[in-house]
Amino acid sequence: MSKARQIFANNMTRENPVFIQVLGICSTLAVTNSLKNTFVMCVGLLFTLSLSNFTVSLLRRWMPTRIRMMVEVLVIASYVIVVDITLKAFYPDIWRQLGPYVGLIITNCIVMGRAEAFALTNPPGLSFIDGLSAGVGYSYVLLVIAVFRELLGSGSLWGFRILGDWWEDWAIMVMAPGAFFMLALFIWIVKGLFLKPEAKKEGAS
């Protein structure tokens, strides 16, 4: 397996930023009560994470150690501003619903973590792939959680009513406790049913 494919596979499973490293869960609590908002947030983070990784890797040889983190924050903030302005210009309703959470991408542990852990010591191409795969690994977890939270909490998906009048909405699912519950359930299922048997097979071999 090539290094790029291995990086992508690891960020999907064994090194997933959400259910393995438990990073960036603030947005899990904040936006996953709506599938549409979650999707927009994931696209914004994918854009920021992959391009900030790429940019930090390009600049890594010229960044003085004492201001390294300030440069990384400046790079990340620049891409977040692009996302924020784009949403405000073309999707003002979603921009208003997301409110300050788009700006909080700057402080997302995943973005800074990948820049520090990978982009500073690897070439731009691999750093871009690492950022992209970490973003995809983050996104699919949030999208799965958002599907169940919106469906159970509002009886709808993407704003369209799916469940009929017979369904009694679970109000707790669109509140913060519902996000904690769904995230814990997702982690338990993935680790218990998928990752643990795979680890046992590798250990036996």
C-alpha atoms as a PDB file:
ATOM      1  CA  MET A   1       0.000   0.000   0.000  1.00  0.00           C
ATOM      2  CA  SER A   2       1.363   3.408  -0.951  1.00  0.00           C
ATOM      3  CA  LYS A   3       1.970   5.956   1.791  1.00  0.00           C
ATOM      4  CA  ALA A   4      -0.844   8.203   0.524  1.00  0.00           C
ATOM      5  CA  ARG A   5      -3.377   5.354   0.595  1.00  0.00           C
ATOM      6  CA  GLN A   6      -2.200   4.294   4.049  1.00  0.00           C
ATOM      7  CA  ILE A   7      -2.634   7.855   5.374  1.00  0.00           C
ATOM      8  CA  PHE A   8      -6.132   8.000   3.912  1.00  0.00           C
ATOM      9  CA  ALA A   9      -7.107   4.597   5.334  1.00  0.00           C
ATOM     10  CA  ASN A  10      -5.743   5.400   8.803  1.00  0.00           C
ATOM     11  CA  ASN A  11      -7.620   8.701   9.030  1.00  0.00           C
ATOM     12  CA  MET A  12     -10.825   6.874   8.128  1.00  0.00           C
ATOM     13  CA  THR A  13     -10.448   4.212  10.814  1.00  0.00           C
ATOM     14  CA  ARG A  14      -7.550   3.712  13.249  1.00  0.00           C
ATOM     15  CA  GLU A  15      -6.621   7.395  13.557  1.00  0.00           C
ATOM     16  CA  ASN A  16     -10.035   8.929  12.972  1.00  0.00           C
ATOM     17  CA  PRO A  17     -10.049  12.392  14.604  1.00  0.00           C
ATOM     18  CA  VAL A  18     -13.506  11.985  16.159  1.00  0.00           C
ATOM     19  CA  PHE A  19     -14.033   8.436  17.424  1.00  0.00           C
ATOM     20  CA  ILE A  20     -10.370   7.574  18.067  1.00  0.00           C
ATOM     21  CA  GLN A  21      -8.689  10.870  19.004  1.00  0.00           C
ATOM     22  CA  VAL A  22     -11.975  12.469  20.230  1.00  0.00           C
ATOM     23  CA  LEU A  23     -11.094  15.853  18.731  1.00  0.00           C
ATOM     24  CA  GLY A  24     -13.397  18.539  17.389  1.00  0.00           C
ATOM     25  CA  ILE A  25     -16.462  17.333  19.279  1.00  0.00           C
ATOM     26  CA  CYS A  26     -17.711  20.885  19.975  1.00  0.00           C
ATOM     27  CA  SER A  27     -19.146  20.984  16.464  1.00  0.00           C
ATOM     28  CA  THR A  28     -20.675  17.548  17.067  1.00  0.00           C
ATOM     29  CA  LEU A  29     -22.714  19.136  19.826  1.00  0.00           C
ATOM     30  CA  ALA A  30     -23.373  22.400  18.023  1.00  0.00           C
ATOM     31  CA  VAL A  31     -24.468  21.717  14.450  1.00  0.00           C
ATOM     32  CA  THR A  32     -25.445  18.047  14.115  1.00  0.00           C
ATOM     33  CA  ASN A  33     -29.110  18.643  14.935  1.00  0.00           C
ATOM     34  CA  SER A  34     -29.515  19.618  11.262  1.00  0.00           C
ATOM     35  CA  LEU A  35     -28.137  17.593   8.339  1.00  0.00           C
ATOM     36  CA  LYS A  36     -27.912  20.630   6.029  1.00  0.00           C
ATOM     37  CA  ASN A  37     -25.948  22.700   8.558  1.00  0.00           C
ATOM     38  CA  THR A  38     -23.705  19.734   9.317  1.00  0.00           C
ATOM     39  CA  PHE A  39     -22.933  19.221   5.627  1.00  0.00           C
ATOM     40  CA  VAL A  40     -22.020  22.891   5.147  1.00  0.00           C
ATOM     41  CA  MET A  41     -19.840  22.826   8.260  1.00  0.00           C
ATOM     42  CA  CYS A  42     -18.067  19.685   7.037  1.00  0.00           C
ATOM     43  CA  VAL A  43     -17.383  21.205   3.613  1.00  0.00           C
ATOM     44  CA  GLY A  44     -15.954  24.301   5.285  1.00  0.00           C
ATOM     45  CA  LEU A  45     -13.720  22.231   7.534  1.00  0.00           C
ATOM     46  CA  LEU A  46     -12.595  20.015   4.629  1.00  0.00           C
ATOM     47  CA  PHE A  47     -11.585  23.099   2.647  1.00  0.00           C
ATOM     48  CA  THR A  48      -9.784  24.669   5.604  1.00  0.00           C
ATOM     49  CA  LEU A  49      -8.068  21.512   6.834  1.00  0.00           C
ATOM     50  CA  SER A  50      -6.706  20.288   3.507  1.00  0.00           C
ATOM     51  CA  LEU A  51      -5.487  23.709   2.295  1.00  0.00           C
ATOM     52  CA  SER A  52      -4.056  24.803   5.650  1.00  0.00           C
ATOM     53  CA  ASN A  53      -2.118  21.531   5.842  1.00  0.00           C
ATOM     54  CA  PHE A  54      -0.828  22.121   2.313  1.00  0.00           C
ATOM     55  CA  THR A  55       0.133  25.741   3.041  1.00  0.00           C
ATOM     56  CA  VAL A  56       1.840  25.000   6.362  1.00  0.00           C
ATOM     57  CA  SER A  57       3.841  22.258   4.665  1.00  0.00           C
ATOM     58  CA  LEU A  58       4.926  24.688   1.933  1.00  0.00           C
ATOM     59  CA  LEU A  59       6.068  27.209   4.552  1.00  0.00           C
ATOM     60  CA  ARG A  60       7.579  24.753   7.042  1.00  0.00           C
ATOM     61  CA  ARG A  61      11.217  25.411   6.085  1.00  0.00           C
ATOM     62  CA  TRP A  62      10.848  29.185   6.424  1.00  0.00           C
ATOM     63  CA  MET A  63       8.850  29.396   9.667  1.00  0.00           C
ATOM     64  CA  PRO A  64      10.929  30.380  12.709  1.00  0.00           C
ATOM     65  CA  THR A  65      10.180  28.015  15.590  1.00  0.00           C
ATOM     66  CA  ARG A  66       9.280  30.789  18.008  1.00  0.00           C
ATOM     67  CA  ILE A  67       6.384  32.049  15.825  1.00  0.00           C
ATOM     68  CA  ARG A  68       5.393  28.704  14.294  1.00  0.00           C
ATOM     69  CA  MET A  69       1.982  28.461  15.931  1.00  0.00           C
ATOM     70  CA  MET A  70       1.131  32.080  15.171  1.00  0.00           C
ATOM     71  CA  VAL A  71       1.829  31.472  11.485  1.00  0.00           C
ATOM     72  CA  GLU A  72      -0.326  28.324  11.545  1.00  0.00           C
ATOM     73  CA  VAL A  73      -3.235  30.200  13.140  1.00  0.00           C
ATOM     74  CA  LEU A  74      -2.876  32.987  10.557  1.00  0.00           C
ATOM     75  CA  VAL A  75      -2.988  30.461   7.707  1.00  0.00           C
ATOM     76  CA  ILE A  76      -6.011  28.664   9.168  1.00  0.00           C
ATOM     77  CA  ALA A  77      -7.820  31.942   9.872  1.00  0.00           C
ATOM     78  CA  SER A  78      -7.288  33.089   6.273  1.00  0.00           C
ATOM     79  CA  TYR A  79      -9.058  30.027   4.888  1.00  0.00           C
ATOM     80  CA  VAL A  80     -11.839  30.273   7.485  1.00  0.00           C
ATOM     81  CA  ILE A  81     -12.459  33.889   6.437  1.00  0.00           C
ATOM     82  CA  VAL A  82     -12.837  32.690   2.833  1.00  0.00           C
ATOM     83  CA  VAL A  83     -15.429  30.117   3.983  1.00  0.00           C
ATOM     84  CA  ASP A  84     -17.261  32.689   6.096  1.00  0.00           C
ATOM     85  CA  ILE A  85     -17.409  35.312   3.331  1.00  0.00           C
ATOM     86  CA  THR A  86     -18.542  32.716   0.759  1.00  0.00           C
ATOM     87  CA  LEU A  87     -21.377  31.519   3.000  1.00  0.00           C
ATOM     88  CA  LYS A  88     -22.426  35.068   3.811  1.00  0.00           C
ATOM     89  CA  ALA A  89     -22.506  36.007   0.111  1.00  0.00           C
ATOM     90  CA  PHE A  90     -24.168  32.922  -1.394  1.00  0.00           C
ATOM     91  CA  TYR A  91     -25.962  31.162   1.487  1.00  0.00           C
ATOM     92  CA  PRO A  92     -26.970  33.892   3.976  1.00  0.00           C
ATOM     93  CA  ASP A  93     -29.683  31.784   5.646  1.00  0.00           C
ATOM     94  CA  ILE A  94     -27.248  28.979   6.475  1.00  0.00           C
ATOM     95  CA  TRP A  95     -24.629  31.549   7.490  1.00  0.00           C
ATOM     96  CA  ARG A  96     -27.073  33.027  10.015  1.00  0.00           C
ATOM     97  CA  GLN A  97     -28.026  29.590  11.358  1.00  0.00           C
ATOM     98  CA  LEU A  98     -24.410  28.551  11.856  1.00  0.00           C
ATOM     99  CA  GLY A  99     -23.613  31.876  13.492  1.00  0.00           C
ATOM    100  CA  PRO A 100     -20.227  31.865  15.247  1.00  0.00           C
ATOM    101  CA  TYR A 101     -19.519  28.178  14.622  1.00  0.00           C
ATOM    102  CA  VAL A 102     -17.903  28.804  11.229  1.00  0.00           C
ATOM    103  CA  GLY A 103     -15.368  31.101  12.896  1.00  0.00           C
ATOM    104  CA  LEU A 104     -14.686  28.446  15.502  1.00  0.00           C
ATOM    105  CA  ILE A 105     -13.104  26.258  12.816  1.00  0.00           C
ATOM    106  CA  ILE A 106      -9.982  28.317  13.583  1.00  0.00           C
ATOM    107  CA  THR A 107      -9.839  26.806  17.068  1.00  0.00           C
ATOM    108  CA  ASN A 108     -10.804  23.281  15.997  1.00  0.00           C
ATOM    109  CA  CYS A 109      -8.252  20.876  17.486  1.00  0.00           C
ATOM    110  CA  ILE A 110      -8.234  18.748  14.332  1.00  0.00           C
ATOM    111  CA  VAL A 111      -7.009  21.576  12.098  1.00  0.00           C
ATOM    112  CA  MET A 112      -4.197  22.706  14.376  1.00  0.00           C
ATOM    113  CA  GLY A 113      -3.395  19.116  15.354  1.00  0.00           C
ATOM    114  CA  ARG A 114      -2.837  17.936  11.776  1.00  0.00           C
ATOM    115  CA  ALA A 115      -0.728  21.003  10.999  1.00  0.00           C
ATOM    116  CA  GLU A 116       1.482  20.336  14.023  1.00  0.00           C
ATOM    117  CA  ALA A 117       1.593  16.539  13.810  1.00  0.00           C
ATOM    118  CA  PHE A 118       1.888  16.054  10.061  1.00  0.00           C
ATOM    119  CA  ALA A 119       2.270  19.128   7.860  1.00  0.00           C
ATOM    120  CA  LEU A 120       5.388  20.396   9.646  1.00  0.00           C
ATOM    121  CA  THR A 121       7.338  17.231   8.850  1.00  0.00           C
ATOM    122  CA  ASN A 122       5.939  16.065   5.492  1.00  0.00           C
ATOM    123  CA  PRO A 123       5.859  17.335   1.892  1.00  0.00           C
ATOM    124  CA  PRO A 124       2.900  19.379   0.608  1.00  0.00           C
ATOM    125  CA  GLY A 125       1.290  16.590  -1.429  1.00  0.00           C
ATOM    126  CA  LEU A 126       1.098  14.136   1.450  1.00  0.00           C
ATOM    127  CA  SER A 127       0.064  16.924   3.818  1.00  0.00           C
ATOM    128  CA  PHE A 128      -2.855  17.807   1.541  1.00  0.00           C
ATOM    129  CA  ILE A 129      -3.936  14.148   1.468  1.00  0.00           C
ATOM    130  CA  ASP A 130      -3.617  13.931   5.255  1.00  0.00           C
ATOM    131  CA  GLY A 131      -5.766  17.035   5.716  1.00  0.00           C
ATOM    132  CA  LEU A 132      -8.319  15.846   3.166  1.00  0.00           C
ATOM    133  CA  SER A 133      -8.604  12.357   4.666  1.00  0.00           C
ATOM    134  CA  ALA A 134      -8.800  13.680   8.241  1.00  0.00           C
ATOM    135  CA  GLY A 135     -11.564  16.015   7.072  1.00  0.00           C
ATOM    136  CA  VAL A 136     -13.453  13.182   5.386  1.00  0.00           C
ATOM    137  CA  GLY A 137     -13.020  11.007   8.487  1.00  0.00           C
ATOM    138  CA  TYR A 138     -14.407  13.834  10.606  1.00  0.00           C
ATOM    139  CA  SER A 139     -17.231  14.555   8.183  1.00  0.00           C
ATOM    140  CA  TYR A 140     -18.713  11.103   7.785  1.00  0.00           C
ATOM    141  CA  VAL A 141     -18.989  10.700  11.565  1.00  0.00           C
ATOM    142  CA  LEU A 142     -20.784  14.044  11.916  1.00  0.00           C
ATOM    143  CA  LEU A 143     -23.078  13.335   8.956  1.00  0.00           C
ATOM    144  CA  VAL A 144     -24.137   9.954  10.354  1.00  0.00           C
ATOM    145  CA  ILE A 145     -24.858  11.546  13.741  1.00  0.00           C
ATOM    146  CA  ALA A 146     -26.755  14.409  12.058  1.00  0.00           C
ATOM    147  CA  VAL A 147     -28.972  11.993  10.101  1.00  0.00           C
ATOM    148  CA  PHE A 148     -30.127  10.230  13.264  1.00  0.00           C
ATOM    149  CA  ARG A 149     -30.434  13.399  15.350  1.00  0.00           C
ATOM    150  CA  GLU A 150     -32.547  15.285  12.813  1.00  0.00           C
ATOM    151  CA  LEU A 151     -34.637  12.231  11.924  1.00  0.00           C
ATOM    152  CA  LEU A 152     -35.399  11.271  15.516  1.00  0.00           C
ATOM    153  CA  GLY A 153     -35.574  14.827  16.855  1.00  0.00           C
ATOM    154  CA  SER A 154     -37.580  16.502  14.087  1.00  0.00           C
ATOM    155  CA  GLY A 155     -38.866  13.651  11.939  1.00  0.00           C
ATOM    156  CA  SER A 156     -37.181  15.259   8.941  1.00  0.00           C
ATOM    157  CA  LEU A 157     -34.010  15.163   6.825  1.00  0.00           C
ATOM    158  CA  TRP A 158     -32.509  18.188   5.066  1.00  0.00           C
ATOM    159  CA  GLY A 159     -35.602  20.102   6.189  1.00  0.00           C
ATOM    160  CA  PHE A 160     -38.081  17.736   4.507  1.00  0.00           C
ATOM    161  CA  ARG A 161     -40.534  15.793   6.657  1.00  0.00           C
ATOM    162  CA  ILE A 162     -39.763  12.067   6.428  1.00  0.00           C
ATOM    163  CA  LEU A 163     -41.709  10.534   9.292  1.00  0.00           C
ATOM    164  CA  GLY A 164     -45.482  10.955   9.353  1.00  0.00           C
ATOM    165  CA  ASP A 165     -47.762  12.460  11.952  1.00  0.00           C
ATOM    166  CA  TRP A 166     -47.613   9.197  13.870  1.00  0.00           C
ATOM    167  CA  TRP A 167     -44.035   9.988  14.904  1.00  0.00           C
ATOM    168  CA  GLU A 168     -43.547  11.780  18.203  1.00  0.00           C
ATOM    169  CA  ASP A 169     -40.398  13.923  17.918  1.00  0.00           C
ATOM    170  CA  TRP A 170     -37.703  13.208  20.501  1.00  0.00           C
ATOM    171  CA  ALA A 171     -36.893  16.742  21.627  1.00  0.00           C
ATOM    172  CA  ILE A 172     -33.767  15.577  23.456  1.00  0.00           C
ATOM    173  CA  MET A 173     -32.171  14.552  20.153  1.00  0.00           C
ATOM    174  CA  VAL A 174     -31.932  18.158  18.941  1.00  0.00           C
ATOM    175  CA  MET A 175     -30.437  19.257  22.270  1.00  0.00           C
ATOM    176  CA  ALA A 176     -26.814  18.909  23.433  1.00  0.00           C
ATOM    177  CA  PRO A 177     -27.475  15.709  25.487  1.00  0.00           C
ATOM    178  CA  GLY A 178     -28.701  14.028  22.298  1.00  0.00           C
ATOM    179  CA  ALA A 179     -25.384  14.813  20.603  1.00  0.00           C
ATOM    180  CA  PHE A 180     -23.428  13.306  23.515  1.00  0.00           C
ATOM    181  CA  PHE A 181     -25.604  10.191  23.407  1.00  0.00           C
ATOM    182  CA  MET A 182     -25.299   9.694  19.624  1.00  0.00           C
ATOM    183  CA  LEU A 183     -21.542  10.293  19.630  1.00  0.00           C
ATOM    184  CA  ALA A 184     -21.037   7.800  22.474  1.00  0.00           C
ATOM    185  CA  LEU A 185     -23.232   5.247  20.703  1.00  0.00           C
ATOM    186  CA  PHE A 186     -21.322   5.711  17.439  1.00  0.00           C
ATOM    187  CA  ILE A 187     -17.948   5.283  19.157  1.00  0.00           C
ATOM    188  CA  TRP A 188     -19.176   2.170  20.995  1.00  0.00           C
ATOM    189  CA  ILE A 189     -20.473   0.550  17.782  1.00  0.00           C
ATOM    190  CA  VAL A 190     -17.382   1.328  15.697  1.00  0.00           C
ATOM    191  CA  LYS A 191     -14.851   0.325  18.335  1.00  0.00           C
ATOM    192  CA  GLY A 192     -16.767  -2.688  19.623  1.00  0.00           C
ATOM    193  CA  LEU A 193     -18.001  -4.186  16.381  1.00  0.00           C
ATOM    194  CA  PHE A 194     -15.384  -3.151  13.818  1.00  0.00           C
ATOM    195  CA  LEU A 195     -12.050  -2.015  15.228  1.00  0.00           C
ATOM    196  CA  LYS A 196     -11.717  -4.434  18.137  1.00  0.00           C
ATOM    197  CA  PRO A 197     -12.278  -7.638  16.060  1.00  0.00           C
ATOM    198  CA  GLU A 198      -9.827  -6.309  13.464  1.00  0.00           C
ATOM    199  CA  ALA A 199      -7.206  -5.673  16.182  1.00  0.00           C
ATOM    200  CA  LYS A 200      -7.695  -9.189  17.552  1.00  0.00           C
ATOM    201  CA  LYS A 201      -7.172 -10.698  14.097  1.00  0.00           C
ATOM    202  CA  GLU A 202      -3.954  -8.725  13.639  1.00  0.00           C
ATOM    203  CA  GLY A 203      -2.756  -9.769  17.095  1.00  0.00           C
ATOM    204  CA  ALA A 204      -3.481 -13.429  16.382  1.00  0.00           C
ATOM    205  CA  SER A 205      -1.605 -13.293  13.095  1.00  0.00           C
END
